[in-house]
Amino acid sequence: MVGDRSAYADLEAMKKCGFEQVCKEERAELSPWINSEYVRFMPKQRYWTDGFRFPKILTEVDHWINVPMLKNHQMTAAEFTCCLKAFVGVCHPEDRFQKGGNALHQENISEKIAELNLCTRPASTSSTPPIS
């Protein structure tokens, strides 16, 4: 299964990046996360005061791999990109645009991105539940 969440049209982005073609060739399921059931995550140290939702499928699979797309950013507040910033895709689109300081790109973007990465654990400790 190949899952992804774009900032805009998921399936279109997956096609443009070549995911659809590779899934056809490898007989893998193409799964835009926007079609998934989401669960709410409330980090202990909250920069997301209302928490955020992420795809439930990430709690059900044995393993998953986060593959970042290397690119530049116009967001000067994004102090880092690559693998940690790639995880923004797990966040439900409505949660990325919460009101006021809870919006991802309004303030504390680095801290919010770090909190997004707490909703699941690396495979080496996947039997341990997410940090709450």
C-alpha atoms as a PDB file:
ATOM      1  CA  MET A   1       0.000   0.000   0.000  1.00  0.00           C
ATOM      2  CA  VAL A   2       1.222   3.475  -0.832  1.00  0.00           C
ATOM      3  CA  GLY A   3      -0.447   6.271   1.113  1.00  0.00           C
ATOM      4  CA  ASP A   4       0.037  10.002   0.895  1.00  0.00           C
ATOM      5  CA  ARG A   5      -1.573  13.315   1.704  1.00  0.00           C
ATOM      6  CA  SER A   6      -0.921  16.361  -0.410  1.00  0.00           C
ATOM      7  CA  ALA A   7      -1.657  19.934   0.563  1.00  0.00           C
ATOM      8  CA  TYR A   8      -4.071  19.987  -2.363  1.00  0.00           C
ATOM      9  CA  ALA A   9      -5.492  17.227  -4.586  1.00  0.00           C
ATOM     10  CA  ASP A  10      -4.132  13.932  -3.253  1.00  0.00           C
ATOM     11  CA  LEU A  11      -4.778  11.643  -6.179  1.00  0.00           C
ATOM     12  CA  GLU A  12      -3.560  14.240  -8.680  1.00  0.00           C
ATOM     13  CA  ALA A  13      -0.342  14.718  -6.713  1.00  0.00           C
ATOM     14  CA  MET A  14       0.168  10.957  -6.415  1.00  0.00           C
ATOM     15  CA  LYS A  15      -0.216  10.605 -10.185  1.00  0.00           C
ATOM     16  CA  LYS A  16       2.140  13.516 -10.916  1.00  0.00           C
ATOM     17  CA  CYS A  17       4.825  12.102  -8.603  1.00  0.00           C
ATOM     18  CA  GLY A  18       4.582   8.713 -10.332  1.00  0.00           C
ATOM     19  CA  PHE A  19       3.058   6.823  -7.390  1.00  0.00           C
ATOM     20  CA  GLU A  20       0.082   5.616  -9.408  1.00  0.00           C
ATOM     21  CA  GLN A  21       2.255   4.091 -12.145  1.00  0.00           C
ATOM     22  CA  VAL A  22       4.579   2.357  -9.675  1.00  0.00           C
ATOM     23  CA  CYS A  23       1.578   0.959  -7.769  1.00  0.00           C
ATOM     24  CA  LYS A  24       0.188  -0.472 -11.020  1.00  0.00           C
ATOM     25  CA  GLU A  25       3.539  -2.031 -11.904  1.00  0.00           C
ATOM     26  CA  GLU A  26       4.076  -3.483  -8.427  1.00  0.00           C
ATOM     27  CA  ARG A  27       0.415  -4.386  -7.829  1.00  0.00           C
ATOM     28  CA  ALA A  28       0.253  -2.195  -4.732  1.00  0.00           C
ATOM     29  CA  GLU A  29      -2.787  -0.340  -3.462  1.00  0.00           C
ATOM     30  CA  LEU A  30      -2.810   3.430  -3.975  1.00  0.00           C
ATOM     31  CA  SER A  31      -4.338   4.987  -0.868  1.00  0.00           C
ATOM     32  CA  PRO A  32      -4.853   8.752  -0.628  1.00  0.00           C
ATOM     33  CA  TRP A  33      -5.061   9.302   3.144  1.00  0.00           C
ATOM     34  CA  ILE A  34      -7.879  11.809   2.803  1.00  0.00           C
ATOM     35  CA  ASN A  35     -10.078   8.761   2.115  1.00  0.00           C
ATOM     36  CA  SER A  36      -8.959   7.178   5.406  1.00  0.00           C
ATOM     37  CA  GLU A  37     -10.528   7.164   8.822  1.00  0.00           C
ATOM     38  CA  TYR A  38      -8.661   9.581  11.092  1.00  0.00           C
ATOM     39  CA  VAL A  39      -7.983   9.420  14.843  1.00  0.00           C
ATOM     40  CA  ARG A  40      -7.216  12.352  17.145  1.00  0.00           C
ATOM     41  CA  PHE A  41      -3.820  12.649  18.831  1.00  0.00           C
ATOM     42  CA  MET A  42      -3.184  14.905  21.814  1.00  0.00           C
ATOM     43  CA  PRO A  43       0.553  15.381  22.484  1.00  0.00           C
ATOM     44  CA  LYS A  44       1.650  16.007  26.090  1.00  0.00           C
ATOM     45  CA  GLN A  45       3.598  19.178  25.288  1.00  0.00           C
ATOM     46  CA  ARG A  46       0.972  20.811  23.138  1.00  0.00           C
ATOM     47  CA  TYR A  47       1.726  23.406  20.544  1.00  0.00           C
ATOM     48  CA  TRP A  48      -1.395  21.979  18.894  1.00  0.00           C
ATOM     49  CA  THR A  49      -3.709  22.931  21.778  1.00  0.00           C
ATOM     50  CA  ASP A  50      -6.600  20.987  20.222  1.00  0.00           C
ATOM     51  CA  GLY A  51      -4.369  18.147  19.046  1.00  0.00           C
ATOM     52  CA  PHE A  52      -4.600  16.886  15.474  1.00  0.00           C
ATOM     53  CA  ARG A  53      -5.975  13.938  13.525  1.00  0.00           C
ATOM     54  CA  PHE A  54      -3.881  11.420  11.590  1.00  0.00           C
ATOM     55  CA  PRO A  55      -4.773   8.363   9.467  1.00  0.00           C
ATOM     56  CA  LYS A  56      -5.859   5.429  11.623  1.00  0.00           C
ATOM     57  CA  ILE A  57      -4.219   3.049   9.137  1.00  0.00           C
ATOM     58  CA  LEU A  58      -0.824   4.104  10.563  1.00  0.00           C
ATOM     59  CA  THR A  59      -1.806   2.456  13.862  1.00  0.00           C
ATOM     60  CA  GLU A  60      -2.884  -0.758  12.114  1.00  0.00           C
ATOM     61  CA  VAL A  61      -0.017  -1.613   9.761  1.00  0.00           C
ATOM     62  CA  ASP A  62       3.022  -3.606  10.838  1.00  0.00           C
ATOM     63  CA  HIS A  63       5.447  -1.185   9.191  1.00  0.00           C
ATOM     64  CA  TRP A  64       5.343   2.025   7.238  1.00  0.00           C
ATOM     65  CA  ILE A  65       8.038   4.079   5.574  1.00  0.00           C
ATOM     66  CA  ASN A  66       8.035   7.872   5.413  1.00  0.00           C
ATOM     67  CA  VAL A  67       9.691   8.907   2.147  1.00  0.00           C
ATOM     68  CA  PRO A  68      10.288  12.652   1.927  1.00  0.00           C
ATOM     69  CA  MET A  69      10.302  14.518  -1.334  1.00  0.00           C
ATOM     70  CA  LEU A  70      13.301  16.813  -1.414  1.00  0.00           C
ATOM     71  CA  LYS A  71      12.282  20.335  -2.367  1.00  0.00           C
ATOM     72  CA  ASN A  72      12.747  23.899  -1.329  1.00  0.00           C
ATOM     73  CA  HIS A  73      10.253  25.795   0.816  1.00  0.00           C
ATOM     74  CA  GLN A  74       8.874  29.274   0.499  1.00  0.00           C
ATOM     75  CA  MET A  75       7.955  29.160   4.181  1.00  0.00           C
ATOM     76  CA  THR A  76      10.748  30.989   5.959  1.00  0.00           C
ATOM     77  CA  ALA A  77       9.345  29.789   9.297  1.00  0.00           C
ATOM     78  CA  ALA A  78      10.118  26.171   8.338  1.00  0.00           C
ATOM     79  CA  GLU A  79      13.510  25.733   9.953  1.00  0.00           C
ATOM     80  CA  PHE A  80      13.851  22.250   8.510  1.00  0.00           C
ATOM     81  CA  THR A  81      12.326  20.172   5.775  1.00  0.00           C
ATOM     82  CA  CYS A  82      12.948  16.624   4.569  1.00  0.00           C
ATOM     83  CA  CYS A  83      11.836  13.705   6.738  1.00  0.00           C
ATOM     84  CA  LEU A  84      10.320  15.540   9.716  1.00  0.00           C
ATOM     85  CA  LYS A  85       8.464  18.091   7.566  1.00  0.00           C
ATOM     86  CA  ALA A  86       7.296  15.298   5.253  1.00  0.00           C
ATOM     87  CA  PHE A  87       5.231  13.998   8.150  1.00  0.00           C
ATOM     88  CA  VAL A  88       2.943  17.052   7.854  1.00  0.00           C
ATOM     89  CA  GLY A  89       1.116  14.893   5.308  1.00  0.00           C
ATOM     90  CA  VAL A  90      -0.312  12.712   8.076  1.00  0.00           C
ATOM     91  CA  CYS A  91      -2.184  15.660   9.551  1.00  0.00           C
ATOM     92  CA  HIS A  92      -5.829  15.979   8.543  1.00  0.00           C
ATOM     93  CA  PRO A  93      -6.081  18.986   6.176  1.00  0.00           C
ATOM     94  CA  GLU A  94      -8.612  20.794   8.368  1.00  0.00           C
ATOM     95  CA  ASP A  95      -6.283  20.493  11.357  1.00  0.00           C
ATOM     96  CA  ARG A  96      -3.420  22.086   9.436  1.00  0.00           C
ATOM     97  CA  PHE A  97      -5.529  25.213   9.063  1.00  0.00           C
ATOM     98  CA  GLN A  98      -6.943  25.563  12.572  1.00  0.00           C
ATOM     99  CA  LYS A  99      -7.763  29.081  13.773  1.00  0.00           C
ATOM    100  CA  GLY A 100      -5.203  31.461  15.236  1.00  0.00           C
ATOM    101  CA  GLY A 101      -1.981  30.129  16.689  1.00  0.00           C
ATOM    102  CA  ASN A 102      -3.144  26.539  16.235  1.00  0.00           C
ATOM    103  CA  ALA A 103      -2.703  26.796  12.462  1.00  0.00           C
ATOM    104  CA  LEU A 104       0.407  24.876  11.417  1.00  0.00           C
ATOM    105  CA  HIS A 105       2.146  27.744   9.660  1.00  0.00           C
ATOM    106  CA  GLN A 106       1.187  30.560  12.057  1.00  0.00           C
ATOM    107  CA  GLU A 107       3.601  30.034  14.948  1.00  0.00           C
ATOM    108  CA  ASN A 108       5.807  27.347  16.486  1.00  0.00           C
ATOM    109  CA  ILE A 109       5.948  25.419  13.199  1.00  0.00           C
ATOM    110  CA  SER A 110       9.072  23.501  14.252  1.00  0.00           C
ATOM    111  CA  GLU A 111       7.502  22.365  17.506  1.00  0.00           C
ATOM    112  CA  LYS A 112       4.249  21.402  15.771  1.00  0.00           C
ATOM    113  CA  ILE A 113       6.116  19.354  13.185  1.00  0.00           C
ATOM    114  CA  ALA A 114       7.994  17.563  15.969  1.00  0.00           C
ATOM    115  CA  GLU A 115       4.672  16.797  17.686  1.00  0.00           C
ATOM    116  CA  LEU A 116       3.261  15.368  14.440  1.00  0.00           C
ATOM    117  CA  ASN A 117       6.107  12.870  14.498  1.00  0.00           C
ATOM    118  CA  LEU A 118       5.051  11.657  17.968  1.00  0.00           C
ATOM    119  CA  CYS A 119       1.752  10.117  16.820  1.00  0.00           C
ATOM    120  CA  THR A 120       3.452   6.856  15.784  1.00  0.00           C
ATOM    121  CA  ARG A 121       6.667   5.113  16.758  1.00  0.00           C
ATOM    122  CA  PRO A 122       9.529   3.802  14.634  1.00  0.00           C
ATOM    123  CA  ALA A 123       9.260   0.119  13.654  1.00  0.00           C
ATOM    124  CA  SER A 124      11.869  -0.933  16.223  1.00  0.00           C
ATOM    125  CA  THR A 125       9.388  -0.020  18.991  1.00  0.00           C
ATOM    126  CA  SER A 126       6.139  -0.418  17.048  1.00  0.00           C
ATOM    127  CA  SER A 127       4.646  -2.680  19.736  1.00  0.00           C
ATOM    128  CA  THR A 128       4.626   0.301  22.106  1.00  0.00           C
ATOM    129  CA  PRO A 129       1.552   2.554  21.818  1.00  0.00           C
ATOM    130  CA  PRO A 130       1.961   6.184  20.678  1.00  0.00           C
ATOM    131  CA  ILE A 131       3.092   8.790  23.187  1.00  0.00           C
ATOM    132  CA  SER A 132       0.102  10.608  24.631  1.00  0.00           C
END
